[in-house]
PDB file of all heavy atoms in Angstrom:
ATOM      1  N   ASN A   1     -47.471 191.033 175.256  1.00  0.00           N
ATOM      2  CA  ASN A   1     -47.748 189.613 175.671  1.00  0.00           C
ATOM      3  C   ASN A   1     -49.226 189.412 175.979  1.00  0.00           C
ATOM      4  O   ASN A   1     -49.562 188.192 176.494  1.00  0.00           O
ATOM      5  CB  ASN A   1     -46.951 189.277 176.888  1.00  0.00           C
ATOM      6  CG  ASN A   1     -45.401 189.500 176.587  1.00  0.00           C
ATOM      7  OD1 ASN A   1     -44.825 188.776 175.841  1.00  0.00           O
ATOM      8  ND2 ASN A   1     -44.773 190.395 177.296  1.00  0.00           N
ATOM      9  N   ALA A   2     -50.093 190.348 175.858  1.00  0.00           N
ATOM     10  CA  ALA A   2     -51.405 190.259 176.275  1.00  0.00           C
ATOM     11  C   ALA A   2     -52.240 189.446 175.065  1.00  0.00           C
ATOM     12  O   ALA A   2     -51.937 189.487 173.930  1.00  0.00           O
ATOM     13  CB  ALA A   2     -52.129 191.483 176.452  1.00  0.00           C
ATOM     14  N   ASP A   3     -53.265 188.805 175.520  1.00  0.00           N
ATOM     15  CA  ASP A   3     -54.081 187.926 174.506  1.00  0.00           C
ATOM     16  C   ASP A   3     -54.798 189.023 173.570  1.00  0.00           C
ATOM     17  O   ASP A   3     -55.185 190.056 173.951  1.00  0.00           O
ATOM     18  CB  ASP A   3     -55.104 187.219 175.171  1.00  0.00           C
ATOM     19  CG  ASP A   3     -54.550 186.000 175.925  1.00  0.00           C
ATOM     20  OD1 ASP A   3     -53.547 185.399 175.481  1.00  0.00           O
ATOM     21  OD2 ASP A   3     -55.022 185.537 177.041  1.00  0.00           O
ATOM     22  N   PRO A   4     -55.011 188.613 172.270  1.00  0.00           N
ATOM     23  CA  PRO A   4     -55.555 189.546 171.425  1.00  0.00           C
ATOM     24  C   PRO A   4     -57.121 189.908 171.729  1.00  0.00           C
ATOM     25  O   PRO A   4     -57.814 189.048 172.401  1.00  0.00           O
ATOM     26  CB  PRO A   4     -55.673 188.798 170.100  1.00  0.00           C
ATOM     27  CG  PRO A   4     -54.491 187.782 170.225  1.00  0.00           C
ATOM     28  CD  PRO A   4     -54.435 187.399 171.645  1.00  0.00           C
ATOM     29  N   LEU A   5     -57.619 191.006 171.409  1.00  0.00           N
ATOM     30  CA  LEU A   5     -58.849 191.483 171.653  1.00  0.00           C
ATOM     31  C   LEU A   5     -59.881 190.744 170.644  1.00  0.00           C
ATOM     32  O   LEU A   5     -59.616 190.552 169.606  1.00  0.00           O
ATOM     33  CB  LEU A   5     -58.967 192.989 171.586  1.00  0.00           C
ATOM     34  CG  LEU A   5     -58.275 193.782 172.643  1.00  0.00           C
ATOM     35  CD1 LEU A   5     -58.211 195.283 172.176  1.00  0.00           C
ATOM     36  CD2 LEU A   5     -59.137 193.741 173.959  1.00  0.00           C
ATOM     37  N   TYR A   6     -61.086 190.519 171.189  1.00  0.00           N
ATOM     38  CA  TYR A   6     -62.145 189.913 170.393  1.00  0.00           C
ATOM     39  C   TYR A   6     -63.232 190.971 170.263  1.00  0.00           C
ATOM     40  O   TYR A   6     -63.812 191.148 169.246  1.00  0.00           O
ATOM     41  CB  TYR A   6     -62.526 188.585 171.024  1.00  0.00           C
ATOM     42  CG  TYR A   6     -63.852 188.015 170.415  1.00  0.00           C
ATOM     43  CD1 TYR A   6     -63.806 187.562 169.201  1.00  0.00           C
ATOM     44  CD2 TYR A   6     -64.894 187.728 171.283  1.00  0.00           C
ATOM     45  CE1 TYR A   6     -64.913 187.036 168.591  1.00  0.00           C
ATOM     46  CE2 TYR A   6     -66.033 187.208 170.691  1.00  0.00           C
ATOM     47  CZ  TYR A   6     -65.996 186.880 169.362  1.00  0.00           C
ATOM     48  OH  TYR A   6     -67.198 186.366 168.942  1.00  0.00           O
ATOM     49  N   LYS A   7     -63.698 191.450 171.407  1.00  0.00           N
ATOM     50  CA  LYS A   7     -64.936 192.239 171.541  1.00  0.00           C
ATOM     51  C   LYS A   7     -64.754 193.227 172.778  1.00  0.00           C
ATOM     52  O   LYS A   7     -64.246 192.786 173.840  1.00  0.00           O
ATOM     53  CB  LYS A   7     -66.092 191.519 171.484  1.00  0.00           C
ATOM     54  CG  LYS A   7     -67.497 192.144 171.475  1.00  0.00           C
ATOM     55  CD  LYS A   7     -68.689 191.301 171.790  1.00  0.00           C
ATOM     56  CE  LYS A   7     -68.826 190.370 170.615  1.00  0.00           C
ATOM     57  NZ  LYS A   7     -70.017 189.515 170.688  1.00  0.00           N
ATOM     58  N   VAL A   8     -65.387 194.294 172.665  1.00  0.00           N
ATOM     59  CA  VAL A   8     -65.537 195.228 173.810  1.00  0.00           C
ATOM     60  C   VAL A   8     -66.958 195.841 173.794  1.00  0.00           C
ATOM     61  O   VAL A   8     -67.442 196.197 172.717  1.00  0.00           O
ATOM     62  CB  VAL A   8     -64.507 196.352 173.898  1.00  0.00           C
ATOM     63  CG1 VAL A   8     -64.531 197.299 172.693  1.00  0.00           C
ATOM     64  CG2 VAL A   8     -64.625 197.233 175.226  1.00  0.00           C
ATOM     65  N   SER A   9     -67.608 195.851 174.903  1.00  0.00           N
ATOM     66  CA  SER A   9     -69.065 196.153 174.968  1.00  0.00           C
ATOM     67  C   SER A   9     -69.397 197.079 176.297  1.00  0.00           C
ATOM     68  O   SER A   9     -68.745 196.786 177.269  1.00  0.00           O
ATOM     69  CB  SER A   9     -69.946 194.935 174.846  1.00  0.00           C
ATOM     70  OG  SER A   9     -71.306 195.241 175.012  1.00  0.00           O
ATOM     71  N   ILE A  10     -70.472 197.906 176.072  1.00  0.00           N
ATOM     72  CA  ILE A  10     -70.923 198.547 177.315  1.00  0.00           C
ATOM     73  C   ILE A  10     -72.397 198.212 177.419  1.00  0.00           C
ATOM     74  O   ILE A  10     -73.229 198.825 178.103  1.00  0.00           O
ATOM     75  CB  ILE A  10     -70.801 200.068 177.209  1.00  0.00           C
ATOM     76  CG1 ILE A  10     -71.287 200.689 176.082  1.00  0.00           C
ATOM     77  CG2 ILE A  10     -69.358 200.337 177.377  1.00  0.00           C
ATOM     78  CD1 ILE A  10     -71.403 202.130 176.026  1.00  0.00           C
ATOM     79  N   ILE A  11     -72.844 197.097 177.018  1.00  0.00           N
ATOM     80  CA  ILE A  11     -74.252 196.624 176.983  1.00  0.00           C
ATOM     81  C   ILE A  11     -74.347 195.699 178.303  1.00  0.00           C
ATOM     82  O   ILE A  11     -73.500 194.691 178.291  1.00  0.00           O
ATOM     83  CB  ILE A  11     -74.711 195.825 175.692  1.00  0.00           C
ATOM     84  CG1 ILE A  11     -74.718 196.700 174.490  1.00  0.00           C
ATOM     85  CG2 ILE A  11     -76.033 195.175 176.011  1.00  0.00           C
ATOM     86  CD1 ILE A  11     -75.098 195.939 173.163  1.00  0.00           C
ATOM     87  N   PRO A  12     -75.127 196.027 179.201  1.00  0.00           N
ATOM     88  CA  PRO A  12     -75.331 195.243 180.362  1.00  0.00           C
ATOM     89  C   PRO A  12     -75.640 193.836 180.150  1.00  0.00           C
ATOM     90  O   PRO A  12     -76.642 193.679 179.333  1.00  0.00           O
ATOM     91  CB  PRO A  12     -76.291 196.063 181.288  1.00  0.00           C
ATOM     92  CG  PRO A  12     -76.275 197.426 180.688  1.00  0.00           C
ATOM     93  CD  PRO A  12     -76.056 197.204 179.253  1.00  0.00           C
ATOM     94  N   ARG A  13     -74.992 192.883 180.741  1.00  0.00           N
ATOM     95  CA  ARG A  13     -75.434 191.489 180.660  1.00  0.00           C
ATOM     96  C   ARG A  13     -75.395 190.789 181.992  1.00  0.00           C
ATOM     97  O   ARG A  13     -74.216 190.800 182.594  1.00  0.00           O
ATOM     98  CB  ARG A  13     -74.554 190.793 179.721  1.00  0.00           C
ATOM     99  CG  ARG A  13     -74.706 191.223 178.276  1.00  0.00           C
ATOM    100  CD  ARG A  13     -73.962 190.358 177.328  1.00  0.00           C
ATOM    101  NE  ARG A  13     -73.930 190.868 175.984  1.00  0.00           N
ATOM    102  CZ  ARG A  13     -74.850 190.940 175.046  1.00  0.00           C
ATOM    103  NH1 ARG A  13     -75.996 190.273 175.324  1.00  0.00           N
ATOM    104  NH2 ARG A  13     -74.707 191.418 173.941  1.00  0.00           N
ATOM    105  N   GLY A  14     -76.459 190.454 182.595  1.00  0.00           N
ATOM    106  CA  GLY A  14     -76.518 189.860 183.941  1.00  0.00           C
ATOM    107  C   GLY A  14     -76.056 190.942 184.962  1.00  0.00           C
ATOM    108  O   GLY A  14     -76.617 192.004 185.027  1.00  0.00           O
ATOM    109  N   ARG A  15     -75.072 190.520 185.744  1.00  0.00           N
ATOM    110  CA  ARG A  15     -74.626 191.505 186.897  1.00  0.00           C
ATOM    111  C   ARG A  15     -73.463 192.402 186.273  1.00  0.00           C
ATOM    112  O   ARG A  15     -73.096 193.248 186.995  1.00  0.00           O
ATOM    113  CB  ARG A  15     -74.068 190.693 188.030  1.00  0.00           C
ATOM    114  CG  ARG A  15     -75.201 190.011 188.775  1.00  0.00           C
ATOM    115  CD  ARG A  15     -74.699 189.390 190.043  1.00  0.00           C
ATOM    116  NE  ARG A  15     -73.620 188.304 189.741  1.00  0.00           N
ATOM    117  CZ  ARG A  15     -72.960 187.789 190.708  1.00  0.00           C
ATOM    118  NH1 ARG A  15     -73.243 188.063 191.991  1.00  0.00           N
ATOM    119  NH2 ARG A  15     -72.025 186.820 190.502  1.00  0.00           N
ATOM    120  N   THR A  16     -73.030 192.242 185.051  1.00  0.00           N
ATOM    121  CA  THR A  16     -72.008 192.962 184.576  1.00  0.00           C
ATOM    122  C   THR A  16     -72.489 194.110 183.654  1.00  0.00           C
ATOM    123  O   THR A  16     -73.478 193.873 182.916  1.00  0.00           O
ATOM    124  CB  THR A  16     -70.927 192.214 183.681  1.00  0.00           C
ATOM    125  OG1 THR A  16     -71.669 191.563 182.595  1.00  0.00           O
ATOM    126  CG2 THR A  16     -70.387 191.010 184.502  1.00  0.00           C
ATOM    127  N   LEU A  17     -71.864 195.274 183.755  1.00  0.00           N
ATOM    128  CA  LEU A  17     -72.467 196.404 183.024  1.00  0.00           C
ATOM    129  C   LEU A  17     -71.696 196.467 181.580  1.00  0.00           C
ATOM    130  O   LEU A  17     -72.182 197.210 180.712  1.00  0.00           O
ATOM    131  CB  LEU A  17     -72.147 197.723 183.738  1.00  0.00           C
ATOM    132  CG  LEU A  17     -72.891 197.865 185.159  1.00  0.00           C
ATOM    133  CD1 LEU A  17     -72.567 199.183 185.713  1.00  0.00           C
ATOM    134  CD2 LEU A  17     -74.334 197.835 184.884  1.00  0.00           C
ATOM    135  N   GLY A  18     -70.584 195.825 181.398  1.00  0.00           N
ATOM    136  CA  GLY A  18     -69.981 195.800 180.151  1.00  0.00           C
ATOM    137  C   GLY A  18     -68.884 194.768 180.120  1.00  0.00           C
ATOM    138  O   GLY A  18     -68.677 194.069 181.197  1.00  0.00           O
ATOM    139  N   GLY A  19     -68.142 194.693 179.170  1.00  0.00           N
ATOM    140  CA  GLY A  19     -66.984 193.699 179.177  1.00  0.00           C
ATOM    141  C   GLY A  19     -66.001 193.918 178.127  1.00  0.00           C
ATOM    142  O   GLY A  19     -66.358 194.399 177.012  1.00  0.00           O
ATOM    143  N   THR A  20     -64.818 193.556 178.264  1.00  0.00           N
ATOM    144  CA  THR A  20     -63.774 193.456 177.247  1.00  0.00           C
ATOM    145  C   THR A  20     -63.289 191.980 177.264  1.00  0.00           C
ATOM    146  O   THR A  20     -62.755 191.504 178.038  1.00  0.00           O
ATOM    147  CB  THR A  20     -62.665 194.339 177.679  1.00  0.00           C
ATOM    148  OG1 THR A  20     -63.102 195.749 177.734  1.00  0.00           O
ATOM    149  CG2 THR A  20     -61.457 194.341 176.660  1.00  0.00           C
ATOM    150  N   GLN A  21     -63.379 191.484 175.981  1.00  0.00           N
ATOM    151  CA  GLN A  21     -63.262 190.067 175.835  1.00  0.00           C
ATOM    152  C   GLN A  21     -61.798 189.820 175.003  1.00  0.00           C
ATOM    153  O   GLN A  21     -61.679 190.514 173.854  1.00  0.00           O
ATOM    154  CB  GLN A  21     -64.251 189.273 175.090  1.00  0.00           C
ATOM    155  CG  GLN A  21     -65.674 189.329 175.912  1.00  0.00           C
ATOM    156  CD  GLN A  21     -66.817 188.752 175.051  1.00  0.00           C
ATOM    157  OE1 GLN A  21     -66.533 187.865 174.284  1.00  0.00           O
ATOM    158  NE2 GLN A  21     -67.927 189.306 175.364  1.00  0.00           N
ATOM    159  N   GLN A  22     -61.048 189.012 175.522  1.00  0.00           N
ATOM    160  CA  GLN A  22     -59.844 188.606 174.702  1.00  0.00           C
ATOM    161  C   GLN A  22     -59.932 187.118 174.334  1.00  0.00           C
ATOM    162  O   GLN A  22     -60.593 186.332 175.011  1.00  0.00           O
ATOM    163  CB  GLN A  22     -58.587 188.882 175.556  1.00  0.00           C
ATOM    164  CG  GLN A  22     -58.401 190.353 175.914  1.00  0.00           C
ATOM    165  CD  GLN A  22     -57.312 190.471 177.013  1.00  0.00           C
ATOM    166  OE1 GLN A  22     -57.703 190.617 178.207  1.00  0.00           O
ATOM    167  NE2 GLN A  22     -55.996 190.387 176.625  1.00  0.00           N
ATOM    168  N   LEU A  23     -59.237 186.853 173.271  1.00  0.00           N
ATOM    169  CA  LEU A  23     -59.229 185.409 172.799  1.00  0.00           C
ATOM    170  C   LEU A  23     -57.829 184.971 172.518  1.00  0.00           C
ATOM    171  O   LEU A  23     -57.246 185.420 171.506  1.00  0.00           O
ATOM    172  CB  LEU A  23     -60.155 185.403 171.409  1.00  0.00           C
ATOM    173  CG  LEU A  23     -60.540 184.096 170.927  1.00  0.00           C
ATOM    174  CD1 LEU A  23     -61.468 183.294 171.852  1.00  0.00           C
ATOM    175  CD2 LEU A  23     -61.233 184.175 169.530  1.00  0.00           C
ATOM    176  N   PRO A  24     -57.411 184.139 173.405  1.00  0.00           N
ATOM    177  CA  PRO A  24     -56.012 183.553 173.102  1.00  0.00           C
ATOM    178  C   PRO A  24     -55.808 182.893 171.744  1.00  0.00           C
ATOM    179  O   PRO A  24     -56.720 182.231 171.204  1.00  0.00           O
ATOM    180  CB  PRO A  24     -55.902 182.507 174.239  1.00  0.00           C
ATOM    181  CG  PRO A  24     -56.894 182.884 175.311  1.00  0.00           C
ATOM    182  CD  PRO A  24     -57.980 183.447 174.472  1.00  0.00           C
ATOM    183  N   GLU A  25     -54.718 183.149 171.170  1.00  0.00           N
ATOM    184  CA  GLU A  25     -54.416 182.630 169.938  1.00  0.00           C
ATOM    185  C   GLU A  25     -54.099 181.164 169.930  1.00  0.00           C
ATOM    186  O   GLU A  25     -54.273 180.426 168.965  1.00  0.00           O
ATOM    187  CB  GLU A  25     -53.089 183.393 169.293  1.00  0.00           C
ATOM    188  CG  GLU A  25     -53.358 184.809 168.941  1.00  0.00           C
ATOM    189  CD  GLU A  25     -52.264 185.556 168.319  1.00  0.00           C
ATOM    190  OE1 GLU A  25     -51.120 185.365 168.906  1.00  0.00           O
ATOM    191  OE2 GLU A  25     -52.422 186.259 167.323  1.00  0.00           O
ATOM    192  N   HIS A  26     -53.696 180.637 171.149  1.00  0.00           N
ATOM    193  CA  HIS A  26     -53.459 179.189 171.254  1.00  0.00           C
ATOM    194  C   HIS A  26     -53.622 178.806 172.708  1.00  0.00           C
ATOM    195  O   HIS A  26     -53.472 179.700 173.582  1.00  0.00           O
ATOM    196  CB  HIS A  26     -52.015 178.854 170.773  1.00  0.00           C
ATOM    197  CG  HIS A  26     -50.914 179.627 171.328  1.00  0.00           C
ATOM    198  ND1 HIS A  26     -50.504 179.320 172.676  1.00  0.00           N
ATOM    199  CD2 HIS A  26     -50.223 180.719 171.010  1.00  0.00           C
ATOM    200  CE1 HIS A  26     -49.609 180.299 172.981  1.00  0.00           C
ATOM    201  NE2 HIS A  26     -49.486 181.172 171.885  1.00  0.00           N
ATOM    202  N   GLU A  27     -53.905 177.489 172.939  1.00  0.00           N
ATOM    203  CA  GLU A  27     -54.101 177.092 174.285  1.00  0.00           C
ATOM    204  C   GLU A  27     -52.844 177.105 175.046  1.00  0.00           C
ATOM    205  O   GLU A  27     -51.730 176.662 174.546  1.00  0.00           O
ATOM    206  CB  GLU A  27     -54.684 175.639 174.293  1.00  0.00           C
ATOM    207  CG  GLU A  27     -54.967 175.139 175.746  1.00  0.00           C
ATOM    208  CD  GLU A  27     -55.636 173.833 175.679  1.00  0.00           C
ATOM    209  OE1 GLU A  27     -55.814 173.242 174.570  1.00  0.00           O
ATOM    210  OE2 GLU A  27     -55.907 173.207 176.738  1.00  0.00           O
ATOM    211  N   ARG A  28     -52.851 177.694 176.330  1.00  0.00           N
ATOM    212  CA  ARG A  28     -51.588 177.770 177.092  1.00  0.00           C
ATOM    213  C   ARG A  28     -51.555 176.649 178.082  1.00  0.00           C
ATOM    214  O   ARG A  28     -52.605 176.358 178.775  1.00  0.00           O
ATOM    215  CB  ARG A  28     -51.457 179.134 177.836  1.00  0.00           C
ATOM    216  CG  ARG A  28     -51.162 180.288 176.856  1.00  0.00           C
ATOM    217  CD  ARG A  28     -51.238 181.511 177.723  1.00  0.00           C
ATOM    218  NE  ARG A  28     -50.972 182.635 176.682  1.00  0.00           N
ATOM    219  CZ  ARG A  28     -49.766 183.150 176.246  1.00  0.00           C
ATOM    220  NH1 ARG A  28     -48.731 182.494 176.700  1.00  0.00           N
ATOM    221  NH2 ARG A  28     -49.691 184.189 175.605  1.00  0.00           N
ATOM    222  N   HIS A  29     -50.496 176.070 178.273  1.00  0.00           N
ATOM    223  CA  HIS A  29     -50.376 174.975 179.302  1.00  0.00           C
ATOM    224  C   HIS A  29     -49.507 175.474 180.350  1.00  0.00           C
ATOM    225  O   HIS A  29     -49.460 174.894 181.583  1.00  0.00           O
ATOM    226  CB  HIS A  29     -49.737 173.689 178.735  1.00  0.00           C
ATOM    227  CG  HIS A  29     -50.535 173.150 177.598  1.00  0.00           C
ATOM    228  ND1 HIS A  29     -51.725 172.357 177.811  1.00  0.00           N
ATOM    229  CD2 HIS A  29     -50.439 173.182 176.222  1.00  0.00           C
ATOM    230  CE1 HIS A  29     -52.357 172.041 176.673  1.00  0.00           C
ATOM    231  NE2 HIS A  29     -51.523 172.541 175.708  1.00  0.00           N
ATOM    232  N   THR A  30     -48.629 176.513 180.281  1.00  0.00           N
ATOM    233  CA  THR A  30     -47.922 177.145 181.290  1.00  0.00           C
ATOM    234  C   THR A  30     -48.080 178.661 181.098  1.00  0.00           C
ATOM    235  O   THR A  30     -48.444 179.122 179.945  1.00  0.00           O
ATOM    236  CB  THR A  30     -46.363 176.779 181.242  1.00  0.00           C
ATOM    237  OG1 THR A  30     -45.846 177.270 180.012  1.00  0.00           O
ATOM    238  CG2 THR A  30     -46.228 175.295 181.461  1.00  0.00           C
ATOM    239  N   LEU A  31     -47.978 179.408 182.114  1.00  0.00           N
ATOM    240  CA  LEU A  31     -48.172 180.864 182.071  1.00  0.00           C
ATOM    241  C   LEU A  31     -46.876 181.501 182.464  1.00  0.00           C
ATOM    242  O   LEU A  31     -46.428 181.646 183.651  1.00  0.00           O
ATOM    243  CB  LEU A  31     -49.341 181.218 183.128  1.00  0.00           C
ATOM    244  CG  LEU A  31     -50.562 180.566 182.967  1.00  0.00           C
ATOM    245  CD1 LEU A  31     -51.514 180.845 184.096  1.00  0.00           C
ATOM    246  CD2 LEU A  31     -51.213 180.880 181.600  1.00  0.00           C
ATOM    247  N   PRO A  32     -46.132 182.100 181.418  1.00  0.00           N
ATOM    248  CA  PRO A  32     -44.930 182.718 181.652  1.00  0.00           C
ATOM    249  C   PRO A  32     -45.082 184.079 182.497  1.00  0.00           C
ATOM    250  O   PRO A  32     -46.240 184.723 182.467  1.00  0.00           O
ATOM    251  CB  PRO A  32     -44.451 183.137 180.207  1.00  0.00           C
ATOM    252  CG  PRO A  32     -45.263 182.252 179.280  1.00  0.00           C
ATOM    253  CD  PRO A  32     -46.560 182.112 179.929  1.00  0.00           C
ATOM    254  N   GLU A  33     -44.081 184.537 183.168  1.00  0.00           N
ATOM    255  CA  GLU A  33     -44.160 185.673 183.962  1.00  0.00           C
ATOM    256  C   GLU A  33     -44.475 186.932 183.370  1.00  0.00           C
ATOM    257  O   GLU A  33     -45.282 187.776 183.767  1.00  0.00           O
ATOM    258  CB  GLU A  33     -42.820 185.861 184.726  1.00  0.00           C
ATOM    259  CG  GLU A  33     -42.891 186.856 185.744  1.00  0.00           C
ATOM    260  CD  GLU A  33     -41.581 187.007 186.532  1.00  0.00           C
ATOM    261  OE1 GLU A  33     -40.617 186.234 186.246  1.00  0.00           O
ATOM    262  OE2 GLU A  33     -41.490 187.798 187.442  1.00  0.00           O
ATOM    263  N   ASP A  34     -43.842 187.078 182.011  1.00  0.00           N
ATOM    264  CA  ASP A  34     -44.220 188.391 181.315  1.00  0.00           C
ATOM    265  C   ASP A  34     -45.653 188.382 180.842  1.00  0.00           C
ATOM    266  O   ASP A  34     -46.403 189.472 180.854  1.00  0.00           O
ATOM    267  CB  ASP A  34     -43.145 188.476 180.251  1.00  0.00           C
ATOM    268  CG  ASP A  34     -43.225 187.312 179.149  1.00  0.00           C
ATOM    269  OD1 ASP A  34     -43.967 186.323 179.447  1.00  0.00           O
ATOM    270  OD2 ASP A  34     -42.406 187.344 178.213  1.00  0.00           O
ATOM    271  N   TYR A  35     -46.245 187.276 180.538  1.00  0.00           N
ATOM    272  CA  TYR A  35     -47.612 187.146 180.071  1.00  0.00           C
ATOM    273  C   TYR A  35     -48.454 187.538 181.267  1.00  0.00           C
ATOM    274  O   TYR A  35     -49.439 188.262 181.227  1.00  0.00           O
ATOM    275  CB  TYR A  35     -47.882 185.716 179.702  1.00  0.00           C
ATOM    276  CG  TYR A  35     -49.465 185.460 179.571  1.00  0.00           C
ATOM    277  CD1 TYR A  35     -50.133 185.948 178.361  1.00  0.00           C
ATOM    278  CD2 TYR A  35     -50.086 184.775 180.363  1.00  0.00           C
ATOM    279  CE1 TYR A  35     -51.573 185.747 178.212  1.00  0.00           C
ATOM    280  CE2 TYR A  35     -51.480 184.510 180.323  1.00  0.00           C
ATOM    281  CZ  TYR A  35     -52.175 185.023 179.195  1.00  0.00           C
ATOM    282  OH  TYR A  35     -53.550 184.646 179.139  1.00  0.00           O
ATOM    283  N   LEU A  36     -48.144 187.001 182.509  1.00  0.00           N
ATOM    284  CA  LEU A  36     -49.064 187.255 183.708  1.00  0.00           C
ATOM    285  C   LEU A  36     -48.903 188.737 184.145  1.00  0.00           C
ATOM    286  O   LEU A  36     -49.871 189.376 184.513  1.00  0.00           O
ATOM    287  CB  LEU A  36     -48.542 186.361 184.886  1.00  0.00           C
ATOM    288  CG  LEU A  36     -48.812 184.877 184.610  1.00  0.00           C
ATOM    289  CD1 LEU A  36     -48.090 184.009 185.671  1.00  0.00           C
ATOM    290  CD2 LEU A  36     -50.275 184.616 184.831  1.00  0.00           C
ATOM    291  N   LYS A  37     -47.643 189.352 183.967  1.00  0.00           N
ATOM    292  CA  LYS A  37     -47.741 190.848 184.267  1.00  0.00           C
ATOM    293  C   LYS A  37     -48.517 191.651 183.326  1.00  0.00           C
ATOM    294  O   LYS A  37     -49.066 192.599 183.709  1.00  0.00           O
ATOM    295  CB  LYS A  37     -46.165 191.189 184.278  1.00  0.00           C
ATOM    296  CG  LYS A  37     -45.414 190.613 185.435  1.00  0.00           C
ATOM    297  CD  LYS A  37     -43.948 191.281 185.557  1.00  0.00           C
ATOM    298  CE  LYS A  37     -43.288 190.722 186.806  1.00  0.00           C
ATOM    299  NZ  LYS A  37     -41.987 191.406 187.016  1.00  0.00           N
ATOM    300  N   ASP A  38     -48.407 191.301 182.060  1.00  0.00           N
ATOM    301  CA  ASP A  38     -49.337 192.031 181.083  1.00  0.00           C
ATOM    302  C   ASP A  38     -50.735 191.819 181.514  1.00  0.00           C
ATOM    303  O   ASP A  38     -51.563 192.760 181.298  1.00  0.00           O
ATOM    304  CB  ASP A  38     -48.996 191.570 179.660  1.00  0.00           C
ATOM    305  CG  ASP A  38     -47.716 192.239 179.084  1.00  0.00           C
ATOM    306  OD1 ASP A  38     -47.051 192.925 179.735  1.00  0.00           O
ATOM    307  OD2 ASP A  38     -47.445 192.165 177.838  1.00  0.00           O
ATOM    308  N   ARG A  39     -51.172 190.585 181.833  1.00  0.00           N
ATOM    309  CA  ARG A  39     -52.479 190.274 182.222  1.00  0.00           C
ATOM    310  C   ARG A  39     -52.895 191.096 183.454  1.00  0.00           C
ATOM    311  O   ARG A  39     -54.021 191.530 183.426  1.00  0.00           O
ATOM    312  CB  ARG A  39     -52.697 188.749 182.595  1.00  0.00           C
ATOM    313  CG  ARG A  39     -54.039 188.226 182.635  1.00  0.00           C
ATOM    314  CD  ARG A  39     -54.011 186.813 182.637  1.00  0.00           C
ATOM    315  NE  ARG A  39     -55.269 186.155 182.981  1.00  0.00           N
ATOM    316  CZ  ARG A  39     -55.514 184.882 183.106  1.00  0.00           C
ATOM    317  NH1 ARG A  39     -54.582 184.083 182.845  1.00  0.00           N
ATOM    318  NH2 ARG A  39     -56.738 184.466 183.344  1.00  0.00           N
ATOM    319  N   LEU A  40     -52.042 191.312 184.405  1.00  0.00           N
ATOM    320  CA  LEU A  40     -52.477 192.172 185.560  1.00  0.00           C
ATOM    321  C   LEU A  40     -52.608 193.534 185.082  1.00  0.00           C
ATOM    322  O   LEU A  40     -53.598 194.323 185.466  1.00  0.00           O
ATOM    323  CB  LEU A  40     -51.256 192.099 186.576  1.00  0.00           C
ATOM    324  CG  LEU A  40     -51.053 190.878 187.390  1.00  0.00           C
ATOM    325  CD1 LEU A  40     -49.914 191.000 188.262  1.00  0.00           C
ATOM    326  CD2 LEU A  40     -52.363 190.610 188.369  1.00  0.00           C
TER     327      LEU A  40
END
């Protein structure tokens, strides 16, 4: 139920040392419990 991955990086940007970016496949208007648990 996790959003698809877009990019992962260990190049520092601003105050962050790296980042893992996800890109939702569609806009969500409600957040189901199983999606939120996967997000956690």
